[in-house]
Amino acid sequence: MAEKGPQGESGANFAKRIDPKQESLSAEQLEFMRKVELAQWYKTAQKRGKRNIMTGLAIGAVVLGIYGYTFYSVSQEKFLDDLEEEAKIARARASKTSAN
């Protein structure tokens, strides 16, 4: 490891933090900073894009599963058929006892 100075900072120049607002930088240095930031942005964007795709696929799978289960459950329900049969019976009784 590099030896640290009295304030705990490394003596190496390659990892020195700078504040572009306080220090005057040349056009070359500013352009280099922009290129490095752009490269870092591309690198993180690729990872983020892959994660977003996986998250979207997972959410889509859950939605399709719920949608399919709902259709399956509704097709299995027979209570409406029972109610319809009871309504037919009630109509038949009503027509026999009615004064129409």
PDB file of N, CA and C in Angstrom:
ATOM      1  N   MET A   1       0.827  -1.177   0.000  1.00  0.00           N
ATOM      2  CA  MET A   1       0.000   0.000   0.000  1.00  0.00           C
ATOM      3  C   MET A   1       0.870   1.237   0.000  1.00  0.00           C
ATOM      4  N   ALA A   2       0.335   2.288  -0.513  1.00  0.00           N
ATOM      5  CA  ALA A   2       1.086   3.542  -0.518  1.00  0.00           C
ATOM      6  C   ALA A   2       1.096   4.132   0.878  1.00  0.00           C
ATOM      7  N   GLU A   3       2.190   4.778   1.191  1.00  0.00           N
ATOM      8  CA  GLU A   3       2.268   5.406   2.511  1.00  0.00           C
ATOM      9  C   GLU A   3       1.373   6.627   2.550  1.00  0.00           C
ATOM     10  N   LYS A   4       0.763   6.824   3.685  1.00  0.00           N
ATOM     11  CA  LYS A   4      -0.166   7.935   3.829  1.00  0.00           C
ATOM     12  C   LYS A   4       0.519   9.105   4.499  1.00  0.00           C
ATOM     13  N   GLY A   5       0.103  10.278   4.089  1.00  0.00           N
ATOM     14  CA  GLY A   5       0.659  11.498   4.653  1.00  0.00           C
ATOM     15  C   GLY A   5       0.042  11.791   6.011  1.00  0.00           C
ATOM     16  N   PRO A   6       0.361  12.948   6.578  1.00  0.00           N
ATOM     17  CA  PRO A   6      -0.135  13.297   7.904  1.00  0.00           C
ATOM     18  C   PRO A   6      -1.659  13.442   7.975  1.00  0.00           C
ATOM     19  N   GLN A   7      -2.316  13.822   6.878  1.00  0.00           N
ATOM     20  CA  GLN A   7      -3.771  13.944   6.916  1.00  0.00           C
ATOM     21  C   GLN A   7      -4.461  12.646   6.511  1.00  0.00           C
ATOM     22  N   GLY A   8      -3.747  11.594   6.275  1.00  0.00           N
ATOM     23  CA  GLY A   8      -4.331  10.313   5.913  1.00  0.00           C
ATOM     24  C   GLY A   8      -4.560  10.169   4.419  1.00  0.00           C
ATOM     25  N   GLU A   9      -4.028  11.072   3.611  1.00  0.00           N
ATOM     26  CA  GLU A   9      -4.211  10.994   2.174  1.00  0.00           C
ATOM     27  C   GLU A   9      -3.060  10.215   1.559  1.00  0.00           C
ATOM     28  N   SER A  10      -3.351   9.510   0.504  1.00  0.00           N
ATOM     29  CA  SER A  10      -2.334   8.743  -0.193  1.00  0.00           C
ATOM     30  C   SER A  10      -1.434   9.683  -0.986  1.00  0.00           C
ATOM     31  N   GLY A  11      -0.179   9.288  -1.132  1.00  0.00           N
ATOM     32  CA  GLY A  11       0.761  10.102  -1.884  1.00  0.00           C
ATOM     33  C   GLY A  11       0.632   9.906  -3.385  1.00  0.00           C
ATOM     34  N   ALA A  12      -0.169   8.943  -3.832  1.00  0.00           N
ATOM     35  CA  ALA A  12      -0.308   8.661  -5.251  1.00  0.00           C
ATOM     36  C   ALA A  12      -1.173   9.724  -5.919  1.00  0.00           C
ATOM     37  N   ASN A  13      -0.791  10.116  -7.131  1.00  0.00           N
ATOM     38  CA  ASN A  13      -1.522  11.156  -7.854  1.00  0.00           C
ATOM     39  C   ASN A  13      -2.666  10.604  -8.691  1.00  0.00           C
ATOM     40  N   PHE A  14      -2.683   9.308  -8.954  1.00  0.00           N
ATOM     41  CA  PHE A  14      -3.686   8.767  -9.850  1.00  0.00           C
ATOM     42  C   PHE A  14      -5.076   8.681  -9.225  1.00  0.00           C
ATOM     43  N   ALA A  15      -5.186   8.723  -7.908  1.00  0.00           N
ATOM     44  CA  ALA A  15      -6.485   8.599  -7.262  1.00  0.00           C
ATOM     45  C   ALA A  15      -6.839   9.837  -6.451  1.00  0.00           C
ATOM     46  N   LYS A  16      -6.215  10.924  -6.780  1.00  0.00           N
ATOM     47  CA  LYS A  16      -6.443  12.149  -6.027  1.00  0.00           C
ATOM     48  C   LYS A  16      -7.802  12.747  -6.398  1.00  0.00           C
ATOM     49  N   ARG A  17      -8.584  13.072  -5.386  1.00  0.00           N
ATOM     50  CA  ARG A  17      -9.882  13.705  -5.628  1.00  0.00           C
ATOM     51  C   ARG A  17      -9.686  15.195  -5.842  1.00  0.00           C
ATOM     52  N   ILE A  18     -10.416  15.711  -6.813  1.00  0.00           N
ATOM     53  CA  ILE A  18     -10.332  17.141  -7.085  1.00  0.00           C
ATOM     54  C   ILE A  18     -11.735  17.713  -7.168  1.00  0.00           C
ATOM     55  N   ASP A  19     -11.826  18.993  -6.934  1.00  0.00           N
ATOM     56  CA  ASP A  19     -13.087  19.708  -7.070  1.00  0.00           C
ATOM     57  C   ASP A  19     -12.951  20.636  -8.269  1.00  0.00           C
ATOM     58  N   PRO A  20     -13.634  20.336  -9.382  1.00  0.00           N
ATOM     59  CA  PRO A  20     -13.456  21.156 -10.585  1.00  0.00           C
ATOM     60  C   PRO A  20     -13.911  22.603 -10.409  1.00  0.00           C
ATOM     61  N   LYS A  21     -14.736  22.876  -9.410  1.00  0.00           N
ATOM     62  CA  LYS A  21     -15.186  24.253  -9.194  1.00  0.00           C
ATOM     63  C   LYS A  21     -14.097  25.093  -8.534  1.00  0.00           C
ATOM     64  N   GLN A  22     -13.286  24.457  -7.698  1.00  0.00           N
ATOM     65  CA  GLN A  22     -12.251  25.198  -6.980  1.00  0.00           C
ATOM     66  C   GLN A  22     -10.927  25.222  -7.728  1.00  0.00           C
ATOM     67  N   GLU A  23     -10.606  24.142  -8.410  1.00  0.00           N
ATOM     68  CA  GLU A  23      -9.339  24.063  -9.127  1.00  0.00           C
ATOM     69  C   GLU A  23      -9.584  24.337 -10.606  1.00  0.00           C
ATOM     70  N   SER A  24      -8.679  25.063 -11.204  1.00  0.00           N
ATOM     71  CA  SER A  24      -8.815  25.320 -12.641  1.00  0.00           C
ATOM     72  C   SER A  24      -8.254  24.116 -13.392  1.00  0.00           C
ATOM     73  N   LEU A  25      -9.063  23.556 -14.273  1.00  0.00           N
ATOM     74  CA  LEU A  25      -8.658  22.382 -15.039  1.00  0.00           C
ATOM     75  C   LEU A  25      -8.535  22.760 -16.505  1.00  0.00           C
ATOM     76  N   SER A  26      -7.646  22.064 -17.175  1.00  0.00           N
ATOM     77  CA  SER A  26      -7.473  22.318 -18.602  1.00  0.00           C
ATOM     78  C   SER A  26      -8.625  21.673 -19.373  1.00  0.00           C
ATOM     79  N   ALA A  27      -8.753  22.058 -20.612  1.00  0.00           N
ATOM     80  CA  ALA A  27      -9.808  21.497 -21.463  1.00  0.00           C
ATOM     81  C   ALA A  27      -9.611  19.995 -21.639  1.00  0.00           C
ATOM     82  N   GLU A  28      -8.355  19.559 -21.718  1.00  0.00           N
ATOM     83  CA  GLU A  28      -8.071  18.128 -21.861  1.00  0.00           C
ATOM     84  C   GLU A  28      -8.540  17.356 -20.635  1.00  0.00           C
ATOM     85  N   GLN A  29      -8.286  17.909 -19.453  1.00  0.00           N
ATOM     86  CA  GLN A  29      -8.700  17.241 -18.223  1.00  0.00           C
ATOM     87  C   GLN A  29     -10.226  17.166 -18.126  1.00  0.00           C
ATOM     88  N   LEU A  30     -10.907  18.245 -18.491  1.00  0.00           N
ATOM     89  CA  LEU A  30     -12.370  18.238 -18.464  1.00  0.00           C
ATOM     90  C   LEU A  30     -12.936  17.228 -19.456  1.00  0.00           C
ATOM     91  N   GLU A  31     -12.340  17.159 -20.639  1.00  0.00           N
ATOM     92  CA  GLU A  31     -12.793  16.194 -21.642  1.00  0.00           C
ATOM     93  C   GLU A  31     -12.557  14.764 -21.156  1.00  0.00           C
ATOM     94  N   PHE A  32     -11.410  14.525 -20.534  1.00  0.00           N
ATOM     95  CA  PHE A  32     -11.122  13.197 -19.992  1.00  0.00           C
ATOM     96  C   PHE A  32     -12.137  12.823 -18.918  1.00  0.00           C
ATOM     97  N   MET A  33     -12.474  13.785 -18.052  1.00  0.00           N
ATOM     98  CA  MET A  33     -13.470  13.520 -17.006  1.00  0.00           C
ATOM     99  C   MET A  33     -14.822  13.170 -17.624  1.00  0.00           C
ATOM    100  N   ARG A  34     -15.206  13.879 -18.667  1.00  0.00           N
ATOM    101  CA  ARG A  34     -16.477  13.589 -19.337  1.00  0.00           C
ATOM    102  C   ARG A  34     -16.469  12.187 -19.936  1.00  0.00           C
ATOM    103  N   LYS A  35     -15.345  11.812 -20.558  1.00  0.00           N
ATOM    104  CA  LYS A  35     -15.248  10.482 -21.163  1.00  0.00           C
ATOM    105  C   LYS A  35     -15.334   9.386 -20.104  1.00  0.00           C
ATOM    106  N   VAL A  36     -14.660   9.579 -18.985  1.00  0.00           N
ATOM    107  CA  VAL A  36     -14.685   8.586 -17.910  1.00  0.00           C
ATOM    108  C   VAL A  36     -16.089   8.476 -17.327  1.00  0.00           C
ATOM    109  N   GLU A  37     -16.743   9.618 -17.100  1.00  0.00           N
ATOM    110  CA  GLU A  37     -18.106   9.594 -16.568  1.00  0.00           C
ATOM    111  C   GLU A  37     -19.055   8.907 -17.536  1.00  0.00           C
ATOM    112  N   LEU A  38     -18.891   9.158 -18.832  1.00  0.00           N
ATOM    113  CA  LEU A  38     -19.735   8.522 -19.840  1.00  0.00           C
ATOM    114  C   LEU A  38     -19.505   7.010 -19.863  1.00  0.00           C
ATOM    115  N   ALA A  39     -18.250   6.586 -19.768  1.00  0.00           N
ATOM    116  CA  ALA A  39     -17.941   5.153 -19.737  1.00  0.00           C
ATOM    117  C   ALA A  39     -18.550   4.496 -18.503  1.00  0.00           C
ATOM    118  N   GLN A  40     -18.473   5.169 -17.360  1.00  0.00           N
ATOM    119  CA  GLN A  40     -19.082   4.625 -16.143  1.00  0.00           C
ATOM    120  C   GLN A  40     -20.596   4.558 -16.284  1.00  0.00           C
ATOM    121  N   TRP A  41     -21.184   5.567 -16.911  1.00  0.00           N
ATOM    122  CA  TRP A  41     -22.634   5.587 -17.096  1.00  0.00           C
ATOM    123  C   TRP A  41     -23.068   4.427 -17.994  1.00  0.00           C
ATOM    124  N   TYR A  42     -22.332   4.172 -19.100  1.00  0.00           N
ATOM    125  CA  TYR A  42     -22.655   3.052 -19.981  1.00  0.00           C
ATOM    126  C   TYR A  42     -22.562   1.721 -19.240  1.00  0.00           C
ATOM    127  N   LYS A  43     -21.543   1.578 -18.434  1.00  0.00           N
ATOM    128  CA  LYS A  43     -21.341   0.330 -17.695  1.00  0.00           C
ATOM    129  C   LYS A  43     -22.500   0.078 -16.733  1.00  0.00           C
ATOM    130  N   THR A  44     -22.893   1.103 -15.990  1.00  0.00           N
ATOM    131  CA  THR A  44     -24.001   0.928 -15.044  1.00  0.00           C
ATOM    132  C   THR A  44     -25.333   0.816 -15.773  1.00  0.00           C
ATOM    133  N   ALA A  45     -25.476   1.476 -16.921  1.00  0.00           N
ATOM    134  CA  ALA A  45     -26.726   1.413 -17.679  1.00  0.00           C
ATOM    135  C   ALA A  45     -26.968  -0.003 -18.192  1.00  0.00           C
ATOM    136  N   GLN A  46     -25.922  -0.691 -18.602  1.00  0.00           N
ATOM    137  CA  GLN A  46     -26.078  -2.067 -19.073  1.00  0.00           C
ATOM    138  C   GLN A  46     -26.551  -2.972 -17.944  1.00  0.00           C
ATOM    139  N   LYS A  47     -25.936  -2.837 -16.773  1.00  0.00           N
ATOM    140  CA  LYS A  47     -26.354  -3.654 -15.632  1.00  0.00           C
ATOM    141  C   LYS A  47     -27.788  -3.330 -15.246  1.00  0.00           C
ATOM    142  N   ARG A  48     -28.098  -2.035 -15.204  1.00  0.00           N
ATOM    143  CA  ARG A  48     -29.431  -1.601 -14.815  1.00  0.00           C
ATOM    144  C   ARG A  48     -30.463  -2.088 -15.837  1.00  0.00           C
ATOM    145  N   GLY A  49     -30.105  -2.047 -17.110  1.00  0.00           N
ATOM    146  CA  GLY A  49     -31.015  -2.506 -18.157  1.00  0.00           C
ATOM    147  C   GLY A  49     -31.324  -3.988 -18.017  1.00  0.00           C
ATOM    148  N   LYS A  50     -30.311  -4.787 -17.718  1.00  0.00           N
ATOM    149  CA  LYS A  50     -30.530  -6.225 -17.527  1.00  0.00           C
ATOM    150  C   LYS A  50     -31.430  -6.476 -16.323  1.00  0.00           C
ATOM    151  N   ARG A  51     -31.182  -5.739 -15.235  1.00  0.00           N
ATOM    152  CA  ARG A  51     -32.022  -5.899 -14.041  1.00  0.00           C
ATOM    153  C   ARG A  51     -33.453  -5.459 -14.318  1.00  0.00           C
ATOM    154  N   ASN A  52     -33.611  -4.385 -15.072  1.00  0.00           N
ATOM    155  CA  ASN A  52     -34.956  -3.915 -15.396  1.00  0.00           C
ATOM    156  C   ASN A  52     -35.708  -4.922 -16.255  1.00  0.00           C
ATOM    157  N   ILE A  53     -35.017  -5.539 -17.194  1.00  0.00           N
ATOM    158  CA  ILE A  53     -35.651  -6.553 -18.040  1.00  0.00           C
ATOM    159  C   ILE A  53     -36.077  -7.749 -17.195  1.00  0.00           C
ATOM    160  N   MET A  54     -35.193  -8.204 -16.318  1.00  0.00           N
ATOM    161  CA  MET A  54     -35.537  -9.347 -15.464  1.00  0.00           C
ATOM    162  C   MET A  54     -36.713  -9.009 -14.541  1.00  0.00           C
ATOM    163  N   THR A  55     -36.715  -7.809 -13.988  1.00  0.00           N
ATOM    164  CA  THR A  55     -37.817  -7.393 -13.122  1.00  0.00           C
ATOM    165  C   THR A  55     -39.115  -7.323 -13.917  1.00  0.00           C
ATOM    166  N   GLY A  56     -39.067  -6.782 -15.119  1.00  0.00           N
ATOM    167  CA  GLY A  56     -40.262  -6.707 -15.967  1.00  0.00           C
ATOM    168  C   GLY A  56     -40.795  -8.081 -16.318  1.00  0.00           C
ATOM    169  N   LEU A  57     -39.890  -9.006 -16.638  1.00  0.00           N
ATOM    170  CA  LEU A  57     -40.330 -10.371 -16.946  1.00  0.00           C
ATOM    171  C   LEU A  57     -40.946 -11.045 -15.726  1.00  0.00           C
ATOM    172  N   ALA A  58     -40.364 -10.821 -14.556  1.00  0.00           N
ATOM    173  CA  ALA A  58     -40.912 -11.414 -13.335  1.00  0.00           C
ATOM    174  C   ALA A  58     -42.295 -10.852 -13.034  1.00  0.00           C
ATOM    175  N   ILE A  59     -42.452  -9.549 -13.146  1.00  0.00           N
ATOM    176  CA  ILE A  59     -43.765  -8.937 -12.898  1.00  0.00           C
ATOM    177  C   ILE A  59     -44.772  -9.428 -13.932  1.00  0.00           C
ATOM    178  N   GLY A  60     -44.361  -9.517 -15.194  1.00  0.00           N
ATOM    179  CA  GLY A  60     -45.244 -10.028 -16.243  1.00  0.00           C
ATOM    180  C   GLY A  60     -45.670 -11.461 -15.979  1.00  0.00           C
ATOM    181  N   ALA A  61     -44.748 -12.291 -15.503  1.00  0.00           N
ATOM    182  CA  ALA A  61     -45.087 -13.683 -15.191  1.00  0.00           C
ATOM    183  C   ALA A  61     -46.095 -13.757 -14.053  1.00  0.00           C
ATOM    184  N   VAL A  62     -45.920 -12.920 -13.042  1.00  0.00           N
ATOM    185  CA  VAL A  62     -46.871 -12.897 -11.925  1.00  0.00           C
ATOM    186  C   VAL A  62     -48.245 -12.453 -12.416  1.00  0.00           C
ATOM    187  N   VAL A  63     -48.284 -11.424 -13.242  1.00  0.00           N
ATOM    188  CA  VAL A  63     -49.564 -10.925 -13.764  1.00  0.00           C
ATOM    189  C   VAL A  63     -50.251 -11.996 -14.598  1.00  0.00           C
ATOM    190  N   LEU A  64     -49.509 -12.649 -15.484  1.00  0.00           N
ATOM    191  CA  LEU A  64     -50.108 -13.710 -16.296  1.00  0.00           C
ATOM    192  C   LEU A  64     -50.572 -14.881 -15.437  1.00  0.00           C
ATOM    193  N   GLY A  65     -49.822 -15.191 -14.389  1.00  0.00           N
ATOM    194  CA  GLY A  65     -50.237 -16.259 -13.484  1.00  0.00           C
ATOM    195  C   GLY A  65     -51.539 -15.927 -12.778  1.00  0.00           C
ATOM    196  N   ILE A  66     -51.651 -14.715 -12.287  1.00  0.00           N
ATOM    197  CA  ILE A  66     -52.891 -14.296 -11.619  1.00  0.00           C
ATOM    198  C   ILE A  66     -54.048 -14.293 -12.615  1.00  0.00           C
ATOM    199  N   TYR A  67     -53.809 -13.788 -13.808  1.00  0.00           N
ATOM    200  CA  TYR A  67     -54.831 -13.733 -14.851  1.00  0.00           C
ATOM    201  C   TYR A  67     -55.305 -15.147 -15.206  1.00  0.00           C
ATOM    202  N   GLY A  68     -54.360 -16.062 -15.413  1.00  0.00           N
ATOM    203  CA  GLY A  68     -54.715 -17.443 -15.740  1.00  0.00           C
ATOM    204  C   GLY A  68     -55.443 -18.132 -14.605  1.00  0.00           C
ATOM    205  N   TYR A  69     -54.977 -17.929 -13.376  1.00  0.00           N
ATOM    206  CA  TYR A  69     -55.637 -18.542 -12.226  1.00  0.00           C
ATOM    207  C   TYR A  69     -57.058 -18.010 -12.069  1.00  0.00           C
ATOM    208  N   THR A  70     -57.254 -16.721 -12.329  1.00  0.00           N
ATOM    209  CA  THR A  70     -58.591 -16.138 -12.224  1.00  0.00           C
ATOM    210  C   THR A  70     -59.531 -16.787 -13.231  1.00  0.00           C
ATOM    211  N   PHE A  71     -59.096 -16.942 -14.478  1.00  0.00           N
ATOM    212  CA  PHE A  71     -59.939 -17.599 -15.470  1.00  0.00           C
ATOM    213  C   PHE A  71     -60.219 -19.043 -15.088  1.00  0.00           C
ATOM    214  N   TYR A  72     -59.222 -19.736 -14.582  1.00  0.00           N
ATOM    215  CA  TYR A  72     -59.404 -21.125 -14.169  1.00  0.00           C
ATOM    216  C   TYR A  72     -60.409 -21.219 -13.031  1.00  0.00           C
ATOM    217  N   SER A  73     -60.289 -20.331 -12.049  1.00  0.00           N
ATOM    218  CA  SER A  73     -61.194 -20.356 -10.897  1.00  0.00           C
ATOM    219  C   SER A  73     -62.617 -20.025 -11.305  1.00  0.00           C
ATOM    220  N   VAL A  74     -62.783 -19.043 -12.156  1.00  0.00           N
ATOM    221  CA  VAL A  74     -64.131 -18.654 -12.576  1.00  0.00           C
ATOM    222  C   VAL A  74     -64.768 -19.770 -13.389  1.00  0.00           C
ATOM    223  N   SER A  75     -64.007 -20.464 -14.194  1.00  0.00           N
ATOM    224  CA  SER A  75     -64.580 -21.551 -14.989  1.00  0.00           C
ATOM    225  C   SER A  75     -64.980 -22.732 -14.111  1.00  0.00           C
ATOM    226  N   GLN A  76     -64.413 -22.862 -12.929  1.00  0.00           N
ATOM    227  CA  GLN A  76     -64.737 -23.960 -12.027  1.00  0.00           C
ATOM    228  C   GLN A  76     -65.946 -23.663 -11.145  1.00  0.00           C
ATOM    229  N   GLU A  77     -66.344 -22.415 -11.065  1.00  0.00           N
ATOM    230  CA  GLU A  77     -67.432 -22.056 -10.164  1.00  0.00           C
ATOM    231  C   GLU A  77     -68.767 -22.498 -10.750  1.00  0.00           C
ATOM    232  N   LYS A  78     -69.573 -23.136  -9.917  1.00  0.00           N
ATOM    233  CA  LYS A  78     -70.873 -23.644 -10.342  1.00  0.00           C
ATOM    234  C   LYS A  78     -72.017 -22.981  -9.591  1.00  0.00           C
ATOM    235  N   PHE A  79     -71.729 -22.016  -8.714  1.00  0.00           N
ATOM    236  CA  PHE A  79     -72.795 -21.438  -7.908  1.00  0.00           C
ATOM    237  C   PHE A  79     -73.796 -20.668  -8.768  1.00  0.00           C
ATOM    238  N   LEU A  80     -73.361 -20.107  -9.890  1.00  0.00           N
ATOM    239  CA  LEU A  80     -74.303 -19.409 -10.759  1.00  0.00           C
ATOM    240  C   LEU A  80     -75.271 -20.391 -11.406  1.00  0.00           C
ATOM    241  N   ASP A  81     -74.780 -21.588 -11.733  1.00  0.00           N
ATOM    242  CA  ASP A  81     -75.663 -22.610 -12.286  1.00  0.00           C
ATOM    243  C   ASP A  81     -76.718 -23.008 -11.263  1.00  0.00           C
ATOM    244  N   ASP A  82     -76.316 -23.141  -9.996  1.00  0.00           N
ATOM    245  CA  ASP A  82     -77.266 -23.489  -8.939  1.00  0.00           C
ATOM    246  C   ASP A  82     -78.304 -22.387  -8.764  1.00  0.00           C
ATOM    247  N   LEU A  83     -77.870 -21.150  -8.791  1.00  0.00           N
ATOM    248  CA  LEU A  83     -78.807 -20.033  -8.665  1.00  0.00           C
ATOM    249  C   LEU A  83     -79.768 -19.989  -9.848  1.00  0.00           C
ATOM    250  N   GLU A  84     -79.267 -20.303 -11.031  1.00  0.00           N
ATOM    251  CA  GLU A  84     -80.119 -20.304 -12.214  1.00  0.00           C
ATOM    252  C   GLU A  84     -81.175 -21.402 -12.117  1.00  0.00           C
ATOM    253  N   GLU A  85     -80.782 -22.569 -11.617  1.00  0.00           N
ATOM    254  CA  GLU A  85     -81.745 -23.660 -11.442  1.00  0.00           C
ATOM    255  C   GLU A  85     -82.802 -23.286 -10.412  1.00  0.00           C
ATOM    256  N   GLU A  86     -82.395 -22.657  -9.314  1.00  0.00           N
ATOM    257  CA  GLU A  86     -83.351 -22.214  -8.301  1.00  0.00           C
ATOM    258  C   GLU A  86     -84.296 -21.162  -8.874  1.00  0.00           C
ATOM    259  N   ALA A  87     -83.801 -20.290  -9.723  1.00  0.00           N
ATOM    260  CA  ALA A  87     -84.648 -19.273 -10.343  1.00  0.00           C
ATOM    261  C   ALA A  87     -85.667 -19.918 -11.280  1.00  0.00           C
ATOM    262  N   LYS A  88     -85.258 -20.955 -12.022  1.00  0.00           N
ATOM    263  CA  LYS A  88     -86.193 -21.664 -12.904  1.00  0.00           C
ATOM    264  C   LYS A  88     -87.299 -22.325 -12.094  1.00  0.00           C
ATOM    265  N   ILE A  89     -86.902 -22.936 -10.984  1.00  0.00           N
ATOM    266  CA  ILE A  89     -87.894 -23.592 -10.120  1.00  0.00           C
ATOM    267  C   ILE A  89     -88.856 -22.555  -9.547  1.00  0.00           C
ATOM    268  N   ALA A  90     -88.333 -21.424  -9.113  1.00  0.00           N
ATOM    269  CA  ALA A  90     -89.177 -20.362  -8.551  1.00  0.00           C
ATOM    270  C   ALA A  90     -90.112 -19.811  -9.615  1.00  0.00           C
ATOM    271  N   ARG A  91     -89.660 -19.667 -10.857  1.00  0.00           N
ATOM    272  CA  ARG A  91     -90.529 -19.188 -11.935  1.00  0.00           C
ATOM    273  C   ARG A  91     -91.612 -20.208 -12.247  1.00  0.00           C
ATOM    274  N   ALA A  92     -91.240 -21.472 -12.209  1.00  0.00           N
ATOM    275  CA  ALA A  92     -92.233 -22.511 -12.495  1.00  0.00           C
ATOM    276  C   ALA A  92     -93.312 -22.519 -11.418  1.00  0.00           C
ATOM    277  N   ARG A  93     -92.942 -22.389 -10.163  1.00  0.00           N
ATOM    278  CA  ARG A  93     -93.918 -22.355  -9.070  1.00  0.00           C
ATOM    279  C   ARG A  93     -94.782 -21.099  -9.158  1.00  0.00           C
ATOM    280  N   ALA A  94     -94.167 -19.991  -9.517  1.00  0.00           N
ATOM    281  CA  ALA A  94     -94.910 -18.732  -9.589  1.00  0.00           C
ATOM    282  C   ALA A  94     -95.936 -18.777 -10.714  1.00  0.00           C
ATOM    283  N   SER A  95     -95.626 -19.408 -11.829  1.00  0.00           N
ATOM    284  CA  SER A  95     -96.580 -19.458 -12.932  1.00  0.00           C
ATOM    285  C   SER A  95     -97.741 -20.395 -12.619  1.00  0.00           C
ATOM    286  N   LYS A  96     -97.531 -21.428 -11.804  1.00  0.00           N
ATOM    287  CA  LYS A  96     -98.605 -22.355 -11.432  1.00  0.00           C
ATOM    288  C   LYS A  96     -99.567 -21.715 -10.435  1.00  0.00           C
ATOM    289  N   THR A  97     -99.063 -20.937  -9.515  1.00  0.00           N
ATOM    290  CA  THR A  97     -99.913 -20.375  -8.465  1.00  0.00           C
ATOM    291  C   THR A  97    -100.393 -18.972  -8.797  1.00  0.00           C
ATOM    292  N   SER A  98     -99.958 -18.431  -9.871  1.00  0.00           N
ATOM    293  CA  SER A  98    -100.322 -17.064 -10.202  1.00  0.00           C
ATOM    294  C   SER A  98    -101.739 -17.006 -10.759  1.00  0.00           C
ATOM    295  N   ALA A  99    -102.379 -15.861 -10.646  1.00  0.00           N
ATOM    296  CA  ALA A  99    -103.748 -15.685 -11.125  1.00  0.00           C
ATOM    297  C   ALA A  99    -103.764 -15.139 -12.542  1.00  0.00           C
ATOM    298  N   ASN A 100    -102.693 -15.130 -13.228  1.00  0.00           N
ATOM    299  CA  ASN A 100    -102.633 -14.580 -14.587  1.00  0.00           C
ATOM    300  C   ASN A 100    -103.361 -15.444 -15.516  1.00  0.00           C
TER     301      ASN A 100
END
